[in-house]
Amino acid sequence: MAKKSMTKSIGILGGTFDPVHKGHLKLAAIACERFRLDKILFIPCNDPPHKMKDRIANSNDRLNMLEKAIDDANIYRPNHKFEVSTVEMDRQGKTYTIDTLIQLKEIYGDGCNFYFIIGADVVMDLVTWRNFEEVFRLVKFIAFNRQGFPAAKTQKQIDFLKEKYGAKISLVNTDLIKVSSTEIREELLEIKKSDTIKDEMLMTTYDYIILNNLYGYFDKLKKVILADLKSSLRKDRYEHTVSVMDTACELAIRFEYDTNKAQLAAMLHDVVKEYPIEKLQAICLKSGRGLDKCSRNSTNLLHGPAAAFIIEEKYGIIGNEISNSIYYHTTGRGNMSMLEKIVYVADKIEPLNNFNGIDKVRKVAKKSIDEALLILLEKSIERVKTEQKELHSLQSSAFNHYNKALKTKK
């Protein structure tokens, strides 16, 4: 195997990354800056001997989440060179740090200095690692003191390891690392607003968890939401919601989109539809969105923006893609995302709905969601004019956008 001699100092951040979160990236960034590292290797483990009893996500899922997170991190932090290494996942059986270090020495050469990044709590367990004295010889440690962990106790153990084994360990105190992967998994399954999820979860990771139903999150979330809706909505409104969800799933399959995310957005599109208008106004006022002159006294126009805001508070759902699809499901807008189109169209063409020309729209929707969207926008505008109501600017801009786009396409 050819040795890489260009890099002088490499940080190693290993773990299950189940899931990866902002704290991992913060640790890597701080280590890069303080110790002037050339790059950080994120090394997801395959079969960790210290965590055999813990239930962890599939290794491929953990790797995929990590790679997406690192791709994003390298875009937003171009000065920090983060890489994913699969040296442990590629190794069969249990993995030990000593094996990884020996392999990395073979890859990068003896002239490379390695810095192993750990949490301060791990310092207490280093002597339990396989061939730990050899590990101390091969690598320097950067130990981050986590919030609430006694620094004096950690430093005492570091001093002991230095004196007895010649271990090279630097202690870094920081209050930036406030969460663990275990806490994130637990918070996810609470199905409620969580500052931990909002502040520490990476959006690419959250999307991946929904898409792949990791930790059973989507199944549990769906069950909780449907139970809430069944008890809070009128029977016909609930049946409409379930029908929209099923239709959104069909459209997602047809147009190769995430079916779980489509179902989730569809489930929640009318979650506040039966709130009194005063409550909808209060929610929109609190969010700072949706309470314009045209919408102010319209339940039909307010319930989308209000629902988009309330879903995080009520169910802990984060991310603009889902909230925007709910926000614009009554008006549409120019240049809608695929999820926004799916929810808008599904809401109108679901099997329980009926209006003049609906069969034509359903037929069109099997081939082109944009064409179906344009027909529905035109019908919506016609209805507003017939009822002599004020046309919302978003409706007209949506129609103009797709009318022009489809004419140009032809």
Protein backbone atom coordinates (compact mmCIF):
# COMPACT_ATOMS: atom_id res chain seq x y z
CA MET A 1 0.00 0.00 0.00
CA ALA A 2 1.42 3.39 -1.01
CA LYS A 3 2.20 5.69 1.88
CA LYS A 4 0.88 9.26 1.91
CA SER A 5 3.65 11.56 3.12
CA MET A 6 2.24 15.03 2.46
CA THR A 7 0.09 15.34 5.58
CA LYS A 8 1.98 16.02 8.80
CA SER A 9 -0.72 16.12 11.48
CA ILE A 10 -3.99 14.22 11.33
CA GLY A 11 -6.82 14.25 13.81
CA ILE A 12 -8.83 11.07 14.35
CA LEU A 13 -12.44 11.25 15.47
CA GLY A 14 -13.93 7.81 15.87
CA GLY A 15 -17.29 6.62 17.09
CA THR A 16 -20.59 5.10 16.15
CA PHE A 17 -21.96 8.46 14.87
CA ASP A 18 -25.43 7.17 15.65
CA PRO A 19 -26.38 9.73 14.52
CA VAL A 20 -23.71 12.29 13.61
CA HIS A 21 -24.56 15.75 14.99
CA LYS A 22 -23.20 19.30 15.12
CA GLY A 23 -21.20 18.52 18.26
CA HIS A 24 -18.99 16.13 16.29
CA LEU A 25 -18.24 18.82 13.73
CA LYS A 26 -17.58 21.41 16.43
CA LEU A 27 -15.05 19.13 18.11
CA ALA A 28 -13.27 18.57 14.81
CA ALA A 29 -13.19 22.28 13.99
CA ILE A 30 -11.80 23.24 17.42
CA ALA A 31 -9.15 20.53 17.24
CA CYS A 32 -8.12 21.68 13.76
CA GLU A 33 -7.70 25.27 14.89
CA ARG A 34 -6.02 24.74 18.29
CA PHE A 35 -3.63 22.00 17.23
CA ARG A 36 -3.10 23.17 13.64
CA LEU A 37 -4.10 19.85 12.17
CA ASP A 38 -3.92 19.31 8.44
CA LYS A 39 -7.15 17.32 8.43
CA ILE A 40 -9.55 15.26 10.49
CA LEU A 41 -10.42 11.65 9.73
CA PHE A 42 -13.92 10.70 10.86
CA ILE A 43 -13.81 6.95 11.41
CA PRO A 44 -17.16 5.24 12.01
CA CYS A 45 -16.82 1.95 13.81
CA ASN A 46 -18.21 -1.32 12.59
CA ASP A 47 -18.65 -3.54 15.64
CA PRO A 48 -17.54 -1.55 18.72
CA PRO A 49 -16.41 -3.91 21.52
CA HIS A 50 -17.26 -1.34 24.22
CA LYS A 51 -20.87 -0.97 23.02
CA MET A 52 -21.94 -4.49 22.21
CA LYS A 53 -25.13 -4.20 24.27
CA ASP A 54 -26.23 -0.92 22.71
CA ARG A 55 -28.60 -0.94 19.78
CA ILE A 56 -27.00 1.02 16.95
CA ALA A 57 -28.12 1.84 13.42
CA ASN A 58 -26.97 -0.20 10.46
CA SER A 59 -23.33 0.57 9.58
CA ASN A 60 -24.31 1.66 6.05
CA ASP A 61 -26.87 4.12 7.42
CA ARG A 62 -24.37 5.57 9.89
CA LEU A 63 -21.80 5.90 7.12
CA ASN A 64 -24.27 7.56 4.75
CA MET A 65 -25.33 10.09 7.39
CA LEU A 66 -21.71 10.86 8.19
CA GLU A 67 -20.69 11.31 4.56
CA LYS A 68 -23.56 13.71 3.94
CA ALA A 69 -22.64 15.70 7.05
CA ILE A 70 -18.97 15.91 6.06
CA ASP A 71 -19.84 17.00 2.52
CA ASP A 72 -21.88 19.87 3.97
CA ALA A 73 -19.20 20.72 6.52
CA ASN A 74 -16.52 20.99 3.85
CA ILE A 75 -18.72 23.38 1.88
CA TYR A 76 -19.35 25.68 4.84
CA ARG A 77 -15.92 25.25 6.48
CA PRO A 78 -13.48 25.24 3.53
CA ASN A 79 -10.50 25.85 5.83
CA HIS A 80 -11.14 22.61 7.71
CA LYS A 81 -10.37 19.46 5.77
CA PHE A 82 -12.72 16.74 6.98
CA GLU A 83 -12.64 13.23 5.50
CA VAL A 84 -14.45 9.97 6.20
CA SER A 85 -12.35 6.85 6.50
CA THR A 86 -13.87 3.36 6.41
CA VAL A 87 -10.81 1.54 7.72
CA GLU A 88 -12.76 0.10 10.66
CA MET A 89 -15.92 -0.69 8.72
CA ASP A 90 -13.86 -2.49 6.09
CA ARG A 91 -12.26 -4.67 8.75
CA GLN A 92 -14.11 -7.87 9.62
CA GLY A 93 -15.09 -8.65 13.19
CA LYS A 94 -14.55 -6.50 16.25
CA THR A 95 -12.52 -3.33 15.85
CA TYR A 96 -9.88 -2.00 18.22
CA THR A 97 -8.08 1.34 18.20
CA ILE A 98 -4.65 -0.30 18.14
CA ASP A 99 -5.50 -2.08 14.86
CA THR A 100 -6.72 1.17 13.33
CA LEU A 101 -3.62 3.09 14.36
CA ILE A 102 -1.28 0.46 12.92
CA GLN A 103 -3.22 0.55 9.64
CA LEU A 104 -3.16 4.34 9.49
CA LYS A 105 0.59 4.32 10.12
CA GLU A 106 0.97 2.02 7.12
CA ILE A 107 -1.15 4.37 4.98
CA TYR A 108 0.31 7.71 6.01
CA GLY A 109 3.85 6.78 7.08
CA ASP A 110 5.80 6.99 10.32
CA GLY A 111 6.43 10.72 9.90
CA CYS A 112 2.76 11.57 10.39
CA ASN A 113 1.57 12.68 13.82
CA PHE A 114 -1.85 11.40 14.87
CA TYR A 115 -4.13 13.11 17.37
CA PHE A 116 -6.98 11.01 18.73
CA ILE A 117 -10.01 13.14 19.70
CA ILE A 118 -12.00 11.84 22.68
CA GLY A 119 -14.40 13.02 25.34
CA ALA A 120 -13.01 13.62 28.82
CA ASP A 121 -15.08 10.72 30.18
CA VAL A 122 -13.13 8.35 27.92
CA VAL A 123 -9.87 9.32 29.65
CA MET A 124 -10.97 7.26 32.64
CA ASP A 125 -11.29 4.14 30.46
CA LEU A 126 -8.14 4.35 28.32
CA VAL A 127 -6.33 1.72 30.36
CA THR A 128 -9.07 -0.78 29.43
CA TRP A 129 -8.29 -0.46 25.72
CA ARG A 130 -6.51 -3.35 24.03
CA ASN A 131 -2.70 -2.80 24.06
CA PHE A 132 -3.25 0.63 25.57
CA GLU A 133 0.47 1.20 26.23
CA GLU A 134 1.19 0.74 22.53
CA VAL A 135 -1.71 3.08 21.75
CA PHE A 136 -0.09 5.72 23.98
CA ARG A 137 3.12 5.32 21.99
CA LEU A 138 1.47 5.71 18.60
CA VAL A 139 -0.90 8.62 19.17
CA LYS A 140 -1.45 11.85 21.07
CA PHE A 141 -4.86 12.48 22.63
CA ILE A 142 -7.04 15.58 22.59
CA ALA A 143 -9.59 15.19 25.39
CA PHE A 144 -12.60 17.51 25.35
CA ASN A 145 -14.11 18.13 28.74
CA ARG A 146 -17.85 17.81 28.32
CA GLN A 147 -20.36 20.05 30.06
CA GLY A 148 -20.93 18.92 33.63
CA PHE A 149 -17.94 16.57 33.77
CA PRO A 150 -15.45 17.46 36.55
CA ALA A 151 -12.30 18.85 34.93
CA ALA A 152 -10.18 18.30 38.07
CA LYS A 153 -10.96 14.59 38.06
CA THR A 154 -10.03 14.33 34.38
CA GLN A 155 -6.78 16.24 34.85
CA LYS A 156 -5.80 14.00 37.76
CA GLN A 157 -6.23 10.91 35.58
CA ILE A 158 -4.28 12.57 32.73
CA ASP A 159 -1.40 13.34 35.08
CA PHE A 160 -1.41 9.72 36.26
CA LEU A 161 -1.35 8.34 32.69
CA LYS A 162 1.43 10.73 31.71
CA GLU A 163 3.61 9.80 34.66
CA LYS A 164 3.06 6.03 34.58
CA TYR A 165 2.74 5.33 30.84
CA GLY A 166 4.11 8.40 29.09
CA ALA A 167 0.70 9.17 27.59
CA LYS A 168 0.47 12.46 25.69
CA ILE A 169 -2.96 13.94 26.48
CA SER A 170 -4.11 17.55 26.14
CA LEU A 171 -7.29 18.60 27.97
CA VAL A 172 -9.53 21.14 26.22
CA ASN A 173 -12.33 22.75 28.18
CA THR A 174 -15.33 23.80 26.13
CA ASP A 175 -19.02 24.43 26.73
CA LEU A 176 -19.91 24.04 23.05
CA ILE A 177 -20.55 20.31 23.24
CA LYS A 178 -23.96 20.02 24.87
CA VAL A 179 -25.39 16.82 23.47
CA SER A 180 -24.63 13.18 22.71
CA SER A 181 -25.97 10.92 19.97
CA THR A 182 -27.84 8.94 22.63
CA GLU A 183 -29.64 12.09 23.81
CA ILE A 184 -30.61 12.94 20.23
CA ARG A 185 -32.10 9.48 19.67
CA GLU A 186 -34.04 9.75 22.93
CA GLU A 187 -35.30 13.25 22.08
CA LEU A 188 -36.40 12.14 18.63
CA LEU A 189 -38.58 9.43 20.09
CA GLU A 190 -40.20 11.86 22.54
CA ILE A 191 -42.06 13.36 19.53
CA LYS A 192 -42.22 16.89 20.90
CA LYS A 193 -40.43 20.22 20.53
CA SER A 194 -36.80 19.85 21.52
CA ASP A 195 -34.10 22.50 21.59
CA THR A 196 -31.62 19.64 21.39
CA ILE A 197 -33.02 18.53 18.03
CA LYS A 198 -33.40 22.07 16.70
CA ASP A 199 -29.94 23.26 17.76
CA GLU A 200 -27.79 20.16 17.37
CA MET A 201 -29.37 18.03 14.64
CA LEU A 202 -27.97 18.39 11.12
CA MET A 203 -30.71 18.87 8.54
CA THR A 204 -29.23 16.25 6.20
CA THR A 205 -29.20 13.79 9.10
CA TYR A 206 -32.79 14.55 10.08
CA ASP A 207 -33.94 14.04 6.48
CA TYR A 208 -32.07 10.75 6.29
CA ILE A 209 -33.62 9.51 9.52
CA ILE A 210 -37.13 10.24 8.20
CA LEU A 211 -36.42 8.72 4.78
CA ASN A 212 -35.05 5.49 6.24
CA ASN A 213 -37.20 5.31 9.38
CA LEU A 214 -34.10 5.01 11.55
CA TYR A 215 -34.76 4.22 15.22
CA GLY A 216 -38.40 3.64 14.18
CA TYR A 217 -38.78 7.44 14.25
CA PHE A 218 -41.07 7.87 11.25
CA ASP A 219 -43.36 5.00 12.27
CA LYS A 220 -43.75 6.39 15.79
CA LEU A 221 -44.20 9.96 14.57
CA LYS A 222 -46.85 8.89 12.08
CA LYS A 223 -48.72 6.91 14.73
CA VAL A 224 -48.71 9.82 17.20
CA ILE A 225 -49.82 12.39 14.61
CA LEU A 226 -52.65 10.28 13.21
CA ALA A 227 -53.94 9.54 16.72
CA ASP A 228 -53.90 13.26 17.53
CA LEU A 229 -55.66 14.17 14.30
CA LYS A 230 -58.31 11.50 14.76
CA SER A 231 -59.20 12.88 18.18
CA SER A 232 -59.01 16.58 17.27
CA LEU A 233 -60.44 16.86 13.74
CA ARG A 234 -63.96 16.31 12.47
CA LYS A 235 -64.47 12.85 10.98
CA ASP A 236 -64.65 14.15 7.41
CA ARG A 237 -61.55 16.34 7.89
CA TYR A 238 -59.59 13.40 9.30
CA GLU A 239 -60.65 11.15 6.43
CA HIS A 240 -59.62 13.86 3.98
CA THR A 241 -56.21 14.08 5.68
CA VAL A 242 -55.60 10.33 5.45
CA SER A 243 -56.69 10.40 1.80
CA VAL A 244 -54.31 13.29 1.06
CA MET A 245 -51.52 11.36 2.78
CA ASP A 246 -52.13 8.29 0.61
CA THR A 247 -52.33 10.40 -2.55
CA ALA A 248 -49.13 12.26 -1.65
CA CYS A 249 -47.40 8.90 -1.20
CA GLU A 250 -48.56 7.79 -4.67
CA LEU A 251 -47.34 11.04 -6.23
CA ALA A 252 -44.01 10.72 -4.42
CA ILE A 253 -43.51 7.23 -5.85
CA ARG A 254 -44.50 8.41 -9.32
CA PHE A 255 -42.12 11.36 -9.27
CA GLU A 256 -39.32 9.60 -7.33
CA TYR A 257 -39.53 11.56 -4.11
CA ASP A 258 -39.18 10.56 -0.43
CA THR A 259 -42.50 8.86 0.41
CA ASN A 260 -42.07 9.25 4.17
CA LYS A 261 -41.51 12.98 3.95
CA ALA A 262 -44.47 13.33 1.55
CA GLN A 263 -46.74 11.45 3.97
CA LEU A 264 -45.54 13.52 6.91
CA ALA A 265 -46.21 16.86 5.21
CA ALA A 266 -49.60 15.67 3.94
CA MET A 267 -50.62 14.43 7.39
CA LEU A 268 -49.99 17.86 8.87
CA HIS A 269 -51.31 20.18 6.16
CA ASP A 270 -54.67 20.69 7.92
CA VAL A 271 -53.53 20.15 11.51
CA VAL A 272 -54.87 23.58 12.61
CA LYS A 273 -57.64 23.97 10.02
CA GLU A 274 -60.34 23.85 12.69
CA TYR A 275 -58.71 26.34 15.05
CA PRO A 276 -60.72 29.55 15.63
CA ILE A 277 -59.52 32.32 13.35
CA GLU A 278 -58.36 34.35 16.37
CA LYS A 279 -56.01 31.50 17.34
CA LEU A 280 -54.69 31.22 13.78
CA GLN A 281 -54.02 34.95 13.77
CA ALA A 282 -52.19 34.72 17.10
CA ILE A 283 -49.98 31.88 15.82
CA CYS A 284 -49.10 33.77 12.64
CA LEU A 285 -48.42 36.92 14.65
CA LYS A 286 -46.06 34.93 16.89
CA SER A 287 -44.25 33.41 13.90
CA GLY A 288 -44.04 36.72 12.06
CA ARG A 289 -45.30 35.14 8.83
CA GLY A 290 -48.56 34.79 6.92
CA LEU A 291 -50.59 37.54 8.57
CA ASP A 292 -50.89 39.90 5.61
CA LYS A 293 -53.84 42.07 4.60
CA CYS A 294 -55.28 39.47 2.23
CA SER A 295 -54.94 36.53 4.65
CA ARG A 296 -55.84 38.22 7.93
CA ASN A 297 -59.50 37.22 8.02
CA SER A 298 -59.34 34.00 6.01
CA THR A 299 -59.10 30.63 7.75
CA ASN A 300 -58.35 29.08 4.37
CA LEU A 301 -55.28 31.29 3.90
CA LEU A 302 -54.10 31.36 7.52
CA HIS A 303 -54.16 27.67 8.39
CA GLY A 304 -51.19 26.84 6.15
CA PRO A 305 -48.77 29.38 7.64
CA ALA A 306 -50.04 28.62 11.16
CA ALA A 307 -49.58 24.87 10.72
CA ALA A 308 -46.08 25.39 9.29
CA PHE A 309 -45.12 27.11 12.53
CA ILE A 310 -46.92 24.83 14.98
CA ILE A 311 -45.51 21.50 13.76
CA GLU A 312 -42.14 22.09 15.42
CA GLU A 313 -43.70 23.10 18.71
CA LYS A 314 -46.18 20.24 18.73
CA TYR A 315 -44.20 17.37 17.17
CA GLY A 316 -40.57 18.51 17.10
CA ILE A 317 -40.45 18.50 13.29
CA ILE A 318 -37.69 20.70 11.90
CA GLY A 319 -36.66 21.83 8.42
CA ASN A 320 -37.92 24.27 5.82
CA GLU A 321 -38.86 21.69 3.20
CA ILE A 322 -41.71 20.15 5.18
CA SER A 323 -42.87 23.43 6.75
CA ASN A 324 -42.87 25.23 3.38
CA SER A 325 -44.96 22.51 1.74
CA ILE A 326 -47.55 23.04 4.47
CA TYR A 327 -47.26 26.83 4.41
CA TYR A 328 -47.98 27.11 0.66
CA HIS A 329 -50.46 24.28 0.22
CA THR A 330 -53.42 26.64 -0.26
CA THR A 331 -51.80 29.39 -2.35
CA GLY A 332 -48.84 27.81 -4.05
CA ARG A 333 -45.96 30.06 -5.06
CA GLY A 334 -43.48 30.49 -7.88
CA ASN A 335 -40.76 27.86 -8.25
CA MET A 336 -42.20 25.34 -5.77
CA SER A 337 -40.15 22.39 -4.50
CA MET A 338 -41.25 18.90 -5.44
CA LEU A 339 -42.69 18.36 -1.94
CA GLU A 340 -44.67 21.62 -2.17
CA LYS A 341 -46.13 20.49 -5.50
CA ILE A 342 -46.97 17.04 -4.16
CA VAL A 343 -48.85 18.36 -1.12
CA TYR A 344 -50.65 21.06 -3.13
CA VAL A 345 -51.83 18.62 -5.81
CA ALA A 346 -52.64 15.76 -3.41
CA ASP A 347 -54.81 18.08 -1.32
CA LYS A 348 -56.97 18.83 -4.37
CA ILE A 349 -57.15 15.49 -6.22
CA GLU A 350 -57.44 12.99 -3.35
CA PRO A 351 -60.24 10.41 -3.96
CA LEU A 352 -62.73 11.92 -1.50
CA ASN A 353 -62.56 15.31 -3.21
CA ASN A 354 -64.84 16.22 -6.10
CA PHE A 355 -65.12 19.17 -8.45
CA ASN A 356 -65.79 19.79 -12.13
CA GLY A 357 -62.84 18.48 -14.13
CA ILE A 358 -61.15 16.57 -11.32
CA ASP A 359 -60.84 13.37 -13.38
CA LYS A 360 -58.90 15.27 -16.02
CA VAL A 361 -56.52 16.66 -13.39
CA ARG A 362 -55.98 13.21 -11.90
CA LYS A 363 -55.14 11.86 -15.34
CA VAL A 364 -52.72 14.72 -16.04
CA ALA A 365 -51.08 14.25 -12.62
CA LYS A 366 -50.03 10.74 -13.62
CA LYS A 367 -47.72 12.22 -16.27
CA SER A 368 -46.84 15.77 -15.23
CA ILE A 369 -47.18 17.26 -11.78
CA ASP A 370 -46.43 20.74 -13.14
CA GLU A 371 -49.30 20.56 -15.64
CA ALA A 372 -51.67 19.29 -12.95
CA LEU A 373 -50.48 22.08 -10.67
CA LEU A 374 -51.15 24.74 -13.31
CA ILE A 375 -54.70 23.49 -13.93
CA LEU A 376 -55.41 23.53 -10.18
CA LEU A 377 -53.95 27.02 -9.77
CA GLU A 378 -56.13 28.30 -12.59
CA LYS A 379 -59.24 26.72 -11.04
CA SER A 380 -58.35 28.23 -7.66
CA ILE A 381 -58.02 31.70 -9.17
CA GLU A 382 -61.33 31.30 -11.02
CA ARG A 383 -63.05 30.32 -7.77
CA VAL A 384 -61.66 33.34 -5.93
CA LYS A 385 -62.89 35.65 -8.67
CA THR A 386 -66.32 33.97 -8.75
CA GLU A 387 -66.65 34.45 -5.00
CA GLN A 388 -65.49 38.07 -5.45
CA LYS A 389 -62.70 37.66 -2.95
CA GLU A 390 -59.26 39.21 -3.03
CA LEU A 391 -56.68 37.16 -4.91
CA HIS A 392 -53.55 36.51 -2.88
CA SER A 393 -50.34 37.62 -4.57
CA LEU A 394 -48.82 34.17 -4.03
CA GLN A 395 -51.60 32.57 -6.07
CA SER A 396 -51.08 34.88 -9.03
CA SER A 397 -47.29 34.57 -8.89
CA ALA A 398 -47.57 30.76 -8.77
CA PHE A 399 -49.89 30.71 -11.79
CA ASN A 400 -47.71 33.13 -13.77
CA HIS A 401 -44.57 31.16 -12.99
CA TYR A 402 -45.89 27.77 -14.11
CA ASN A 403 -47.88 29.15 -17.04
CA LYS A 404 -44.68 30.72 -18.38
CA ALA A 405 -42.53 27.68 -17.53
CA LEU A 406 -44.79 25.23 -19.31
CA LYS A 407 -45.17 27.46 -22.38
CA THR A 408 -41.40 27.78 -22.59
CA LYS A 409 -41.06 24.01 -22.23
CA LYS A 410 -43.42 23.41 -25.13
